[in-house]
Amino acid sequence: MENIIDKNYLIIGFGISGQGAYTTLKEFGANVFIYDEDIKKISNVEAVKIKKLTKKIIKDMDCIILSPTVQLNKSLTKFIDKIKVDCYGELEFAYRQNKGNILAITGSNGKTTTSLLLKELLDTLPNKTYLLGNIGKSFSEEVINIDEMDNVVLECSSFQLKQTIKFHPHIACLLNLVPDHLDFHKSLEDYYDAKLKIFANQNEDDYAIVNFDDKLCVEKTKNLQAQVYYFSTKSSCRGMFIADDTILFSDGIITYPIVKLENIRYIGEHNLSNYLCASLMAMLQGVSIENIAYVLNNFKTPAHRLEFVRRFHNIDFYNDSKATNISAMITACKAFDKNIHLLLGGSDKGEDFDILKKTLPKNVKYVYVFGQTQNKLYKSLKKVKNLTVYKCDNLKNAVNFSAIKALKGEVVLLSPACASFDAFLNFEDRGNYFKDLVNNLD
């Protein structure tokens, strides 16, 4: 743990992460300064409120803590580098105060499902387990309560990892890599590099877990210092894989059966991949085969991820609001062998929708586009063979129209491939609204 008593700390951005950092800094006796563009957020906080970021203010700081999506301008960044003031993200700050054992999860898709399952698996151990990071409470808010024997499951976004320096998880995994958040990152490589920082400080005593079915993941993790294990739904490997309808673990020499697939509830191969990853991390942390099998038998995937909502006139409605990029949407569609009425649209994250001309699964027969991206989506999809595309004013109209058009035995799927901020607070807000609409169909 670093000594922060009486040192000057500037928090930039006062959302969940900034508030967590504030709690810990005050507890440890730091002098806290806060800047947020929304001055109302910090009006009742016991700290020095900064109305404008200047070089004079920064010069007086011992450390600057950035909330995940904060990006400083080039002038301030150069000045901070020049005067050598510590500047990093909230995740890095919490890591430097942490005493527990970190198991970190990142990837373009599947982080939350994997994190929740890993938490349940680790709960079978006598140690206390925390689930933090890009899910629920911030790492920095809880770090003061974490003891040496505790386990910390961290869901890590690219925003958080990009701002790390010394961050060093004992077990770290990379679920997959596909284009995402290109509205924030400078380039696709910048996004990938941020994800890969999860392994940057690991050594031969640590474990790196990599998706063997994702060629890009395998290629970009060739030279890791940690012990590398894999997970795969398609091939045998050193790690966790599928054979003869059974989940198996191999340490490279001996192979152990874990559980039969018939005993697990899941929809889609991508969810099975998430289960393999979490199980592998848990096994390397000491969870028994018996407890892994028991938890997998009883685990339920979280809301807004291929969540079954209702069967209405023999049409199944699914909520996959968490699918905020093209890859996640395509993966969701592949989970079904029925004709799909796909609800697509939302706020723009910078992806190229023209790729859908070649990659949209053949079982998608109707698409209902809505939201900020509807014109871009319509332009990309209108010439696709055997596909009917409708423009809808909003999600409500898309739900109502798809319910009229869909036939018995077909699926209506909200898997928007876009962020939600054009009309909703977040993907949960969008998913809950969708479920309300579907449950009120009459």
Protein backbone atom coordinates (compact mmCIF):
# COMPACT_ATOMS: atom_id res chain seq x y z
CA MET A 1 0.00 0.00 0.00
CA GLU A 2 1.20 3.51 -0.81
CA ASN A 3 1.33 6.20 1.85
CA ILE A 4 -1.13 8.96 0.93
CA ILE A 5 -1.49 10.78 4.27
CA ASP A 6 -1.42 14.60 3.82
CA LYS A 7 -0.65 14.30 0.10
CA ASN A 8 -2.58 16.32 -2.48
CA TYR A 9 -4.82 14.18 -4.71
CA LEU A 10 -6.88 15.60 -7.58
CA ILE A 11 -9.85 13.51 -8.74
CA ILE A 12 -11.00 14.33 -12.27
CA GLY A 13 -14.54 13.08 -12.91
CA PHE A 14 -16.92 12.40 -10.03
CA GLY A 15 -19.02 9.45 -11.13
CA ILE A 16 -19.00 6.02 -9.44
CA SER A 17 -15.21 5.67 -9.81
CA GLY A 18 -14.40 9.18 -8.63
CA GLN A 19 -16.71 8.85 -5.64
CA GLY A 20 -15.03 5.57 -4.68
CA ALA A 21 -11.58 7.14 -4.86
CA TYR A 22 -12.83 10.06 -2.75
CA THR A 23 -14.08 7.70 -0.01
CA THR A 24 -10.74 5.93 0.28
CA LEU A 25 -8.64 9.11 0.07
CA LYS A 26 -10.60 10.70 2.90
CA GLU A 27 -10.32 7.52 4.98
CA PHE A 28 -6.53 7.49 4.55
CA GLY A 29 -6.10 11.20 5.34
CA ALA A 30 -5.27 12.70 1.96
CA ASN A 31 -5.94 16.30 0.92
CA VAL A 32 -8.63 15.87 -1.73
CA PHE A 33 -9.32 18.16 -4.68
CA ILE A 34 -12.13 17.41 -7.16
CA TYR A 35 -12.93 18.58 -10.67
CA ASP A 36 -16.07 17.65 -12.61
CA GLU A 37 -17.67 19.45 -15.54
CA ASP A 38 -21.00 19.13 -13.72
CA ILE A 39 -20.32 21.29 -10.66
CA LYS A 40 -23.58 20.10 -9.03
CA LYS A 41 -22.07 16.63 -8.52
CA ILE A 42 -19.51 17.98 -6.07
CA SER A 43 -21.51 20.72 -4.38
CA ASN A 44 -21.94 18.81 -1.10
CA VAL A 45 -18.55 17.05 -1.01
CA GLU A 46 -16.00 17.79 1.72
CA ALA A 47 -13.11 18.60 -0.60
CA VAL A 48 -11.62 21.51 -2.49
CA LYS A 49 -13.77 22.10 -5.58
CA ILE A 50 -11.85 22.97 -8.74
CA LYS A 51 -13.82 25.09 -11.22
CA LYS A 52 -11.18 25.05 -13.95
CA LEU A 53 -8.20 22.79 -14.60
CA THR A 54 -5.03 24.85 -14.89
CA LYS A 55 -1.32 24.11 -14.90
CA LYS A 56 -0.96 26.03 -11.64
CA ILE A 57 -3.42 23.71 -9.88
CA ILE A 58 -1.85 20.57 -11.35
CA LYS A 59 1.62 21.71 -10.30
CA ASP A 60 0.56 21.59 -6.64
CA MET A 61 -0.68 18.00 -6.84
CA ASP A 62 1.11 14.83 -5.74
CA CYS A 63 -1.20 12.65 -7.81
CA ILE A 64 -4.09 12.90 -10.31
CA ILE A 65 -6.77 10.20 -10.44
CA LEU A 66 -8.80 9.94 -13.65
CA SER A 67 -12.28 8.48 -13.94
CA PRO A 68 -12.42 5.83 -16.72
CA THR A 69 -13.68 7.90 -19.67
CA VAL A 70 -11.74 11.09 -18.86
CA GLN A 71 -9.35 12.25 -21.59
CA LEU A 72 -7.14 15.24 -20.84
CA ASN A 73 -6.20 17.66 -23.62
CA LYS A 74 -2.71 17.45 -25.15
CA SER A 75 -1.46 20.57 -23.41
CA LEU A 76 -2.27 19.31 -19.91
CA THR A 77 -0.99 15.82 -20.72
CA LYS A 78 2.38 17.18 -21.86
CA PHE A 79 2.62 19.41 -18.80
CA ILE A 80 1.86 16.50 -16.45
CA ASP A 81 4.56 14.41 -18.14
CA LYS A 82 7.02 17.29 -17.94
CA ILE A 83 6.64 17.92 -14.20
CA LYS A 84 6.35 14.17 -13.50
CA VAL A 85 3.14 14.26 -11.46
CA ASP A 86 1.65 10.77 -10.99
CA CYS A 87 -1.43 10.47 -13.18
CA TYR A 88 -3.46 7.30 -13.61
CA GLY A 89 -6.95 5.84 -13.44
CA GLU A 90 -9.15 4.85 -10.52
CA LEU A 91 -8.45 1.14 -11.12
CA GLU A 92 -4.71 1.76 -10.80
CA PHE A 93 -5.24 3.85 -7.65
CA ALA A 94 -7.24 1.07 -5.99
CA TYR A 95 -4.69 -1.55 -7.02
CA ARG A 96 -1.94 0.40 -5.25
CA GLN A 97 -3.93 0.28 -1.99
CA ASN A 98 -5.07 -3.32 -2.40
CA LYS A 99 -3.99 -6.25 -0.19
CA GLY A 100 -6.18 -8.97 -1.73
CA ASN A 101 -5.73 -11.45 -4.56
CA ILE A 102 -6.89 -10.11 -7.94
CA LEU A 103 -8.60 -12.12 -10.68
CA ALA A 104 -9.22 -9.76 -13.60
CA ILE A 105 -11.50 -10.21 -16.60
CA THR A 106 -11.57 -8.26 -19.84
CA GLY A 107 -12.76 -8.72 -23.43
CA SER A 108 -15.08 -7.04 -25.88
CA ASN A 109 -18.06 -9.20 -24.91
CA GLY A 110 -19.04 -11.51 -22.06
CA LYS A 111 -17.24 -9.78 -19.17
CA THR A 112 -20.21 -9.48 -16.84
CA THR A 113 -21.48 -13.05 -17.27
CA THR A 114 -17.97 -14.40 -16.69
CA SER A 115 -17.39 -12.14 -13.69
CA LEU A 116 -20.68 -13.07 -12.01
CA LEU A 117 -20.05 -16.79 -12.53
CA LEU A 118 -16.47 -16.53 -11.24
CA LYS A 119 -17.76 -14.76 -8.13
CA GLU A 120 -20.18 -17.63 -7.45
CA LEU A 121 -17.43 -20.19 -8.01
CA LEU A 122 -15.02 -18.45 -5.64
CA ASP A 123 -17.76 -18.11 -3.03
CA THR A 124 -17.34 -21.86 -2.46
CA LEU A 125 -13.91 -21.12 -0.94
CA PRO A 126 -13.53 -20.07 2.72
CA ASN A 127 -12.06 -16.68 1.74
CA LYS A 128 -14.30 -13.68 1.15
CA THR A 129 -14.80 -12.70 -2.50
CA TYR A 130 -15.50 -9.20 -3.85
CA LEU A 131 -17.00 -8.44 -7.28
CA LEU A 132 -15.88 -4.96 -8.36
CA GLY A 133 -14.59 -2.79 -11.19
CA ASN A 134 -16.79 -2.19 -14.20
CA ILE A 135 -19.70 -3.85 -12.38
CA GLY A 136 -21.45 -2.73 -9.20
CA LYS A 137 -19.21 -0.88 -6.75
CA SER A 138 -15.90 0.61 -7.79
CA PHE A 139 -12.68 -1.10 -6.72
CA SER A 140 -11.49 1.99 -4.87
CA GLU A 141 -14.65 2.23 -2.76
CA GLU A 142 -14.21 -1.27 -1.31
CA VAL A 143 -10.40 -1.53 -1.23
CA ILE A 144 -10.20 -0.33 2.39
CA ASN A 145 -12.20 -3.43 3.45
CA ILE A 146 -10.19 -6.03 1.52
CA ASP A 147 -7.84 -8.30 3.50
CA GLU A 148 -4.82 -10.31 2.33
CA MET A 149 -6.67 -13.63 2.02
CA ASP A 150 -9.65 -12.15 0.16
CA ASN A 151 -10.26 -12.68 -3.55
CA VAL A 152 -11.17 -9.75 -5.79
CA VAL A 153 -12.97 -10.41 -9.10
CA LEU A 154 -12.47 -7.34 -11.29
CA GLU A 155 -14.41 -6.68 -14.47
CA CYS A 156 -12.06 -4.41 -16.45
CA SER A 157 -13.07 -2.18 -19.35
CA SER A 158 -10.68 -0.85 -21.97
CA PHE A 159 -11.16 2.63 -20.48
CA GLN A 160 -9.95 1.44 -17.09
CA LEU A 161 -7.05 -0.65 -18.39
CA LYS A 162 -5.79 2.14 -20.64
CA GLN A 163 -5.15 4.24 -17.51
CA THR A 164 -3.11 1.57 -15.65
CA ILE A 165 0.65 1.50 -15.02
CA LYS A 166 1.54 -1.10 -12.35
CA PHE A 167 -1.75 -3.03 -12.30
CA HIS A 168 -0.85 -6.69 -11.71
CA PRO A 169 -3.58 -9.35 -11.38
CA HIS A 170 -2.53 -12.85 -10.31
CA ILE A 171 -5.01 -14.41 -12.76
CA ALA A 172 -6.11 -12.43 -15.82
CA CYS A 173 -8.24 -13.43 -18.79
CA LEU A 174 -8.96 -12.15 -22.28
CA LEU A 175 -12.37 -13.35 -23.48
CA ASN A 176 -12.31 -12.03 -27.05
CA LEU A 177 -11.30 -9.08 -29.22
CA VAL A 178 -13.62 -7.36 -31.69
CA PRO A 179 -13.98 -3.71 -32.72
CA ASP A 180 -15.68 -1.61 -30.04
CA HIS A 181 -15.62 1.85 -28.44
CA LEU A 182 -14.09 3.41 -31.53
CA ASP A 183 -15.84 6.64 -30.56
CA PHE A 184 -13.39 6.84 -27.63
CA HIS A 185 -10.16 5.12 -28.63
CA LYS A 186 -7.85 6.71 -31.19
CA SER A 187 -7.81 3.57 -33.34
CA LEU A 188 -8.64 -0.12 -33.32
CA GLU A 189 -5.06 -0.92 -32.28
CA ASP A 190 -5.31 1.56 -29.42
CA TYR A 191 -8.40 -0.30 -28.21
CA TYR A 192 -6.69 -3.69 -28.48
CA ASP A 193 -3.56 -2.38 -26.73
CA ALA A 194 -5.69 -1.15 -23.84
CA LYS A 195 -7.24 -4.60 -23.40
CA LEU A 196 -3.86 -6.33 -23.50
CA LYS A 197 -2.54 -4.19 -20.64
CA ILE A 198 -4.29 -6.64 -18.33
CA PHE A 199 -1.27 -8.95 -18.84
CA ALA A 200 1.45 -6.27 -18.91
CA ASN A 201 2.87 -6.74 -15.40
CA GLN A 202 2.32 -10.45 -14.92
CA ASN A 203 5.26 -12.81 -14.37
CA GLU A 204 5.93 -16.56 -14.33
CA ASP A 205 4.07 -16.96 -11.01
CA ASP A 206 0.83 -15.66 -12.56
CA TYR A 207 -1.78 -17.13 -14.91
CA ALA A 208 -2.95 -15.68 -18.24
CA ILE A 209 -6.19 -17.14 -19.59
CA VAL A 210 -6.83 -16.76 -23.33
CA ASN A 211 -9.67 -17.72 -25.69
CA PHE A 212 -8.18 -20.44 -27.93
CA ASP A 213 -11.05 -20.02 -30.43
CA ASP A 214 -10.23 -16.35 -31.04
CA LYS A 215 -7.27 -16.25 -33.43
CA LEU A 216 -6.61 -12.58 -32.74
CA CYS A 217 -6.42 -13.21 -28.99
CA VAL A 218 -3.98 -16.07 -29.50
CA GLU A 219 -1.84 -14.05 -31.90
CA LYS A 220 -1.60 -11.03 -29.62
CA THR A 221 -0.70 -13.06 -26.52
CA LYS A 222 2.21 -15.07 -27.92
CA ASN A 223 4.91 -13.50 -25.77
CA LEU A 224 3.34 -13.29 -22.32
CA GLN A 225 5.48 -13.79 -19.21
CA ALA A 226 2.74 -15.57 -17.26
CA GLN A 227 1.77 -19.24 -17.45
CA VAL A 228 -0.76 -19.37 -20.30
CA TYR A 229 -3.88 -21.54 -20.19
CA TYR A 230 -6.65 -21.61 -22.79
CA PHE A 231 -10.37 -22.28 -23.05
CA SER A 232 -12.15 -23.57 -26.14
CA THR A 233 -15.54 -24.88 -27.25
CA LYS A 234 -13.99 -26.35 -30.42
CA SER A 235 -10.55 -27.84 -29.70
CA SER A 236 -8.63 -29.62 -26.98
CA CYS A 237 -6.06 -27.39 -25.29
CA ARG A 238 -4.09 -26.83 -22.12
CA GLY A 239 -6.94 -25.56 -19.99
CA MET A 240 -10.73 -25.99 -20.24
CA PHE A 241 -12.43 -27.42 -23.33
CA ILE A 242 -15.32 -29.57 -24.64
CA ALA A 243 -15.17 -33.18 -25.80
CA ASP A 244 -17.86 -35.89 -25.91
CA ASP A 245 -20.45 -33.39 -24.62
CA THR A 246 -18.40 -32.90 -21.46
CA ILE A 247 -16.42 -29.99 -20.03
CA LEU A 248 -12.85 -31.16 -19.43
CA PHE A 249 -9.75 -29.65 -17.82
CA SER A 250 -6.20 -30.49 -18.88
CA ASP A 251 -3.03 -29.34 -17.17
CA GLY A 252 -1.10 -30.41 -20.28
CA ILE A 253 -0.51 -33.93 -18.95
CA ILE A 254 -3.66 -35.25 -17.27
CA THR A 255 -7.25 -34.55 -18.35
CA TYR A 256 -10.08 -34.38 -15.81
CA PRO A 257 -13.86 -34.45 -16.54
CA ILE A 258 -15.76 -31.58 -14.91
CA VAL A 259 -19.45 -31.78 -15.87
CA LYS A 260 -21.73 -33.01 -18.66
CA LEU A 261 -23.19 -30.29 -20.90
CA GLU A 262 -26.68 -31.73 -20.41
CA ASN A 263 -26.51 -30.54 -16.79
CA ILE A 264 -25.86 -26.87 -17.68
CA ARG A 265 -28.42 -24.22 -18.60
CA TYR A 266 -27.14 -21.88 -21.31
CA ILE A 267 -28.14 -20.29 -24.61
CA GLY A 268 -25.50 -19.90 -27.29
CA GLU A 269 -21.94 -21.08 -27.69
CA HIS A 270 -20.64 -17.71 -26.49
CA ASN A 271 -22.16 -18.30 -23.05
CA LEU A 272 -20.58 -21.74 -22.92
CA SER A 273 -17.25 -20.08 -23.72
CA ASN A 274 -17.77 -17.68 -20.80
CA TYR A 275 -18.52 -20.64 -18.50
CA LEU A 276 -15.30 -22.38 -19.54
CA CYS A 277 -13.24 -19.28 -18.84
CA ALA A 278 -14.71 -18.67 -15.39
CA SER A 279 -14.36 -22.35 -14.47
CA LEU A 280 -10.72 -22.39 -15.56
CA MET A 281 -9.91 -19.30 -13.50
CA ALA A 282 -11.68 -20.81 -10.50
CA MET A 283 -9.82 -24.11 -10.79
CA LEU A 284 -6.46 -22.35 -10.94
CA GLN A 285 -7.49 -20.48 -7.79
CA GLY A 286 -8.25 -23.71 -5.96
CA VAL A 287 -11.98 -24.35 -6.44
CA SER A 288 -12.73 -28.09 -6.48
CA ILE A 289 -14.13 -29.98 -9.47
CA GLU A 290 -17.21 -30.90 -7.40
CA ASN A 291 -17.95 -27.26 -6.58
CA ILE A 292 -17.39 -26.14 -10.17
CA ALA A 293 -19.89 -28.75 -11.37
CA TYR A 294 -22.42 -27.74 -8.71
CA VAL A 295 -22.23 -24.00 -9.49
CA LEU A 296 -22.43 -24.57 -13.26
CA ASN A 297 -25.51 -26.72 -12.73
CA ASN A 298 -27.27 -23.87 -10.90
CA PHE A 299 -25.95 -20.69 -12.53
CA LYS A 300 -28.37 -18.36 -14.31
CA THR A 301 -27.07 -15.85 -16.84
CA PRO A 302 -27.66 -12.19 -15.92
CA ALA A 303 -30.41 -9.98 -17.33
CA HIS A 304 -30.17 -8.27 -20.74
CA ARG A 305 -27.98 -11.04 -22.19
CA LEU A 306 -30.13 -13.28 -24.39
CA GLU A 307 -32.76 -13.07 -21.68
CA PHE A 308 -36.01 -14.83 -22.48
CA VAL A 309 -38.87 -12.38 -21.89
CA ARG A 310 -42.12 -13.93 -23.05
CA ARG A 311 -43.84 -16.27 -25.49
CA PHE A 312 -46.68 -14.35 -27.15
CA HIS A 313 -48.85 -16.07 -29.78
CA ASN A 314 -46.11 -18.74 -29.99
CA ILE A 315 -43.47 -16.08 -30.80
CA ASP A 316 -40.46 -15.94 -28.47
CA PHE A 317 -39.17 -12.52 -27.42
CA TYR A 318 -35.55 -12.16 -26.21
CA ASN A 319 -33.81 -9.20 -24.60
CA ASP A 320 -30.14 -8.87 -25.56
CA SER A 321 -29.80 -5.15 -24.85
CA LYS A 322 -26.21 -5.66 -23.65
CA ALA A 323 -25.18 -6.41 -27.26
CA THR A 324 -23.75 -2.95 -27.94
CA ASN A 325 -21.46 -3.90 -30.83
CA ILE A 326 -21.81 -5.81 -34.10
CA SER A 327 -19.93 -8.90 -32.94
CA ALA A 328 -22.16 -9.39 -29.88
CA MET A 329 -25.28 -9.05 -32.02
CA ILE A 330 -24.08 -11.59 -34.59
CA THR A 331 -23.17 -14.01 -31.81
CA ALA A 332 -26.67 -13.67 -30.35
CA CYS A 333 -28.33 -14.38 -33.70
CA LYS A 334 -26.24 -17.52 -34.15
CA ALA A 335 -27.65 -18.87 -30.88
CA PHE A 336 -30.98 -19.55 -32.63
CA ASP A 337 -31.93 -21.96 -35.41
CA LYS A 338 -35.25 -20.17 -36.00
CA ASN A 339 -36.13 -17.20 -38.21
CA ILE A 340 -35.28 -13.94 -36.44
CA HIS A 341 -36.96 -10.54 -36.41
CA LEU A 342 -34.03 -8.37 -35.30
CA LEU A 343 -34.42 -5.01 -33.53
CA LEU A 344 -31.34 -2.97 -34.35
CA GLY A 345 -30.18 0.56 -33.52
CA GLY A 346 -29.22 3.14 -30.92
CA SER A 347 -26.38 5.60 -30.48
CA ASP A 348 -23.31 5.45 -32.72
CA LYS A 349 -20.01 3.94 -31.47
CA GLY A 350 -18.15 4.36 -34.74
CA GLU A 351 -18.45 0.85 -36.17
CA ASP A 352 -18.73 0.17 -39.91
CA PHE A 353 -22.21 -1.25 -40.49
CA ASP A 354 -21.36 -2.20 -44.09
CA ILE A 355 -19.75 -5.33 -42.67
CA LEU A 356 -23.27 -6.60 -41.99
CA LYS A 357 -23.76 -7.19 -45.72
CA LYS A 358 -21.47 -10.21 -45.40
CA THR A 359 -21.71 -11.18 -41.74
CA LEU A 360 -25.41 -10.97 -40.83
CA PRO A 361 -26.59 -14.57 -40.18
CA LYS A 362 -28.96 -16.04 -42.78
CA ASN A 363 -31.68 -16.77 -40.22
CA VAL A 364 -32.24 -13.01 -39.79
CA LYS A 365 -35.16 -12.43 -42.13
CA TYR A 366 -36.49 -9.07 -40.93
CA VAL A 367 -34.67 -6.09 -39.39
CA TYR A 368 -36.36 -3.17 -37.65
CA VAL A 369 -33.94 -0.22 -37.36
CA PHE A 370 -34.47 2.61 -34.88
CA GLY A 371 -32.61 5.31 -32.99
CA GLN A 372 -29.72 7.58 -33.98
CA THR A 373 -28.14 4.98 -36.25
CA GLN A 374 -31.26 3.94 -38.14
CA ASN A 375 -30.35 5.72 -41.40
CA LYS A 376 -26.81 4.29 -41.44
CA LEU A 377 -28.14 0.82 -40.71
CA TYR A 378 -30.87 1.08 -43.33
CA LYS A 379 -28.36 2.19 -45.95
CA SER A 380 -26.07 -0.75 -45.16
CA LEU A 381 -28.81 -3.39 -45.04
CA LYS A 382 -31.40 -2.40 -47.64
CA LYS A 383 -29.64 -4.27 -50.49
CA VAL A 384 -28.99 -7.51 -48.60
CA LYS A 385 -30.64 -10.45 -50.36
CA ASN A 386 -33.59 -12.18 -48.67
CA LEU A 387 -33.74 -9.51 -45.98
CA THR A 388 -36.58 -7.06 -45.33
CA VAL A 389 -35.63 -3.85 -43.50
CA TYR A 390 -38.10 -1.48 -41.85
CA LYS A 391 -37.44 1.98 -40.43
CA CYS A 392 -39.13 2.59 -37.09
CA ASP A 393 -39.46 5.88 -35.24
CA ASN A 394 -38.40 4.33 -31.94
CA LEU A 395 -38.02 1.07 -30.02
CA LYS A 396 -41.70 0.98 -29.09
CA ASN A 397 -42.76 1.05 -32.74
CA ALA A 398 -40.16 -1.61 -33.57
CA VAL A 399 -41.56 -3.93 -30.89
CA ASN A 400 -45.17 -3.41 -31.94
CA PHE A 401 -44.47 -3.84 -35.66
CA SER A 402 -42.29 -6.93 -35.17
CA ALA A 403 -45.01 -8.51 -33.03
CA ILE A 404 -47.45 -8.06 -35.94
CA LYS A 405 -45.05 -9.33 -38.62
CA ALA A 406 -43.58 -12.35 -36.78
CA LEU A 407 -45.08 -15.78 -37.40
CA LYS A 408 -45.56 -18.68 -35.00
CA GLY A 409 -42.27 -20.36 -34.12
CA GLU A 410 -40.15 -17.31 -34.93
CA VAL A 411 -38.04 -15.13 -32.63
CA VAL A 412 -38.14 -11.39 -31.97
CA LEU A 413 -34.71 -10.37 -30.73
CA LEU A 414 -33.55 -7.04 -29.34
CA SER A 415 -29.81 -7.16 -30.01
CA PRO A 416 -29.13 -3.56 -31.01
CA ALA A 417 -25.37 -3.60 -31.91
CA CYS A 418 -25.29 0.01 -30.68
CA ALA A 419 -25.01 1.93 -27.44
CA SER A 420 -28.21 3.21 -25.83
CA PHE A 421 -27.44 6.82 -24.98
CA ASP A 422 -29.54 8.38 -27.75
CA ALA A 423 -32.73 7.54 -25.84
CA PHE A 424 -31.86 5.71 -22.62
CA LEU A 425 -29.64 6.04 -19.55
CA ASN A 426 -27.82 2.78 -20.32
CA PHE A 427 -28.36 -0.69 -21.79
CA GLU A 428 -30.21 -1.83 -18.63
CA ASP A 429 -32.69 1.02 -19.00
CA ARG A 430 -33.21 0.07 -22.65
CA GLY A 431 -33.60 -3.62 -21.82
CA ASN A 432 -36.11 -2.98 -19.04
CA TYR A 433 -38.14 -0.73 -21.35
CA PHE A 434 -38.14 -3.47 -23.98
CA LYS A 435 -39.34 -6.04 -21.45
CA ASP A 436 -42.15 -3.73 -20.33
CA LEU A 437 -43.24 -3.27 -23.94
CA VAL A 438 -43.22 -7.02 -24.62
CA ASN A 439 -45.01 -7.93 -21.40
CA ASN A 440 -47.75 -5.41 -22.22
CA LEU A 441 -48.40 -6.69 -25.75
CA ASP A 442 -52.09 -7.54 -26.14
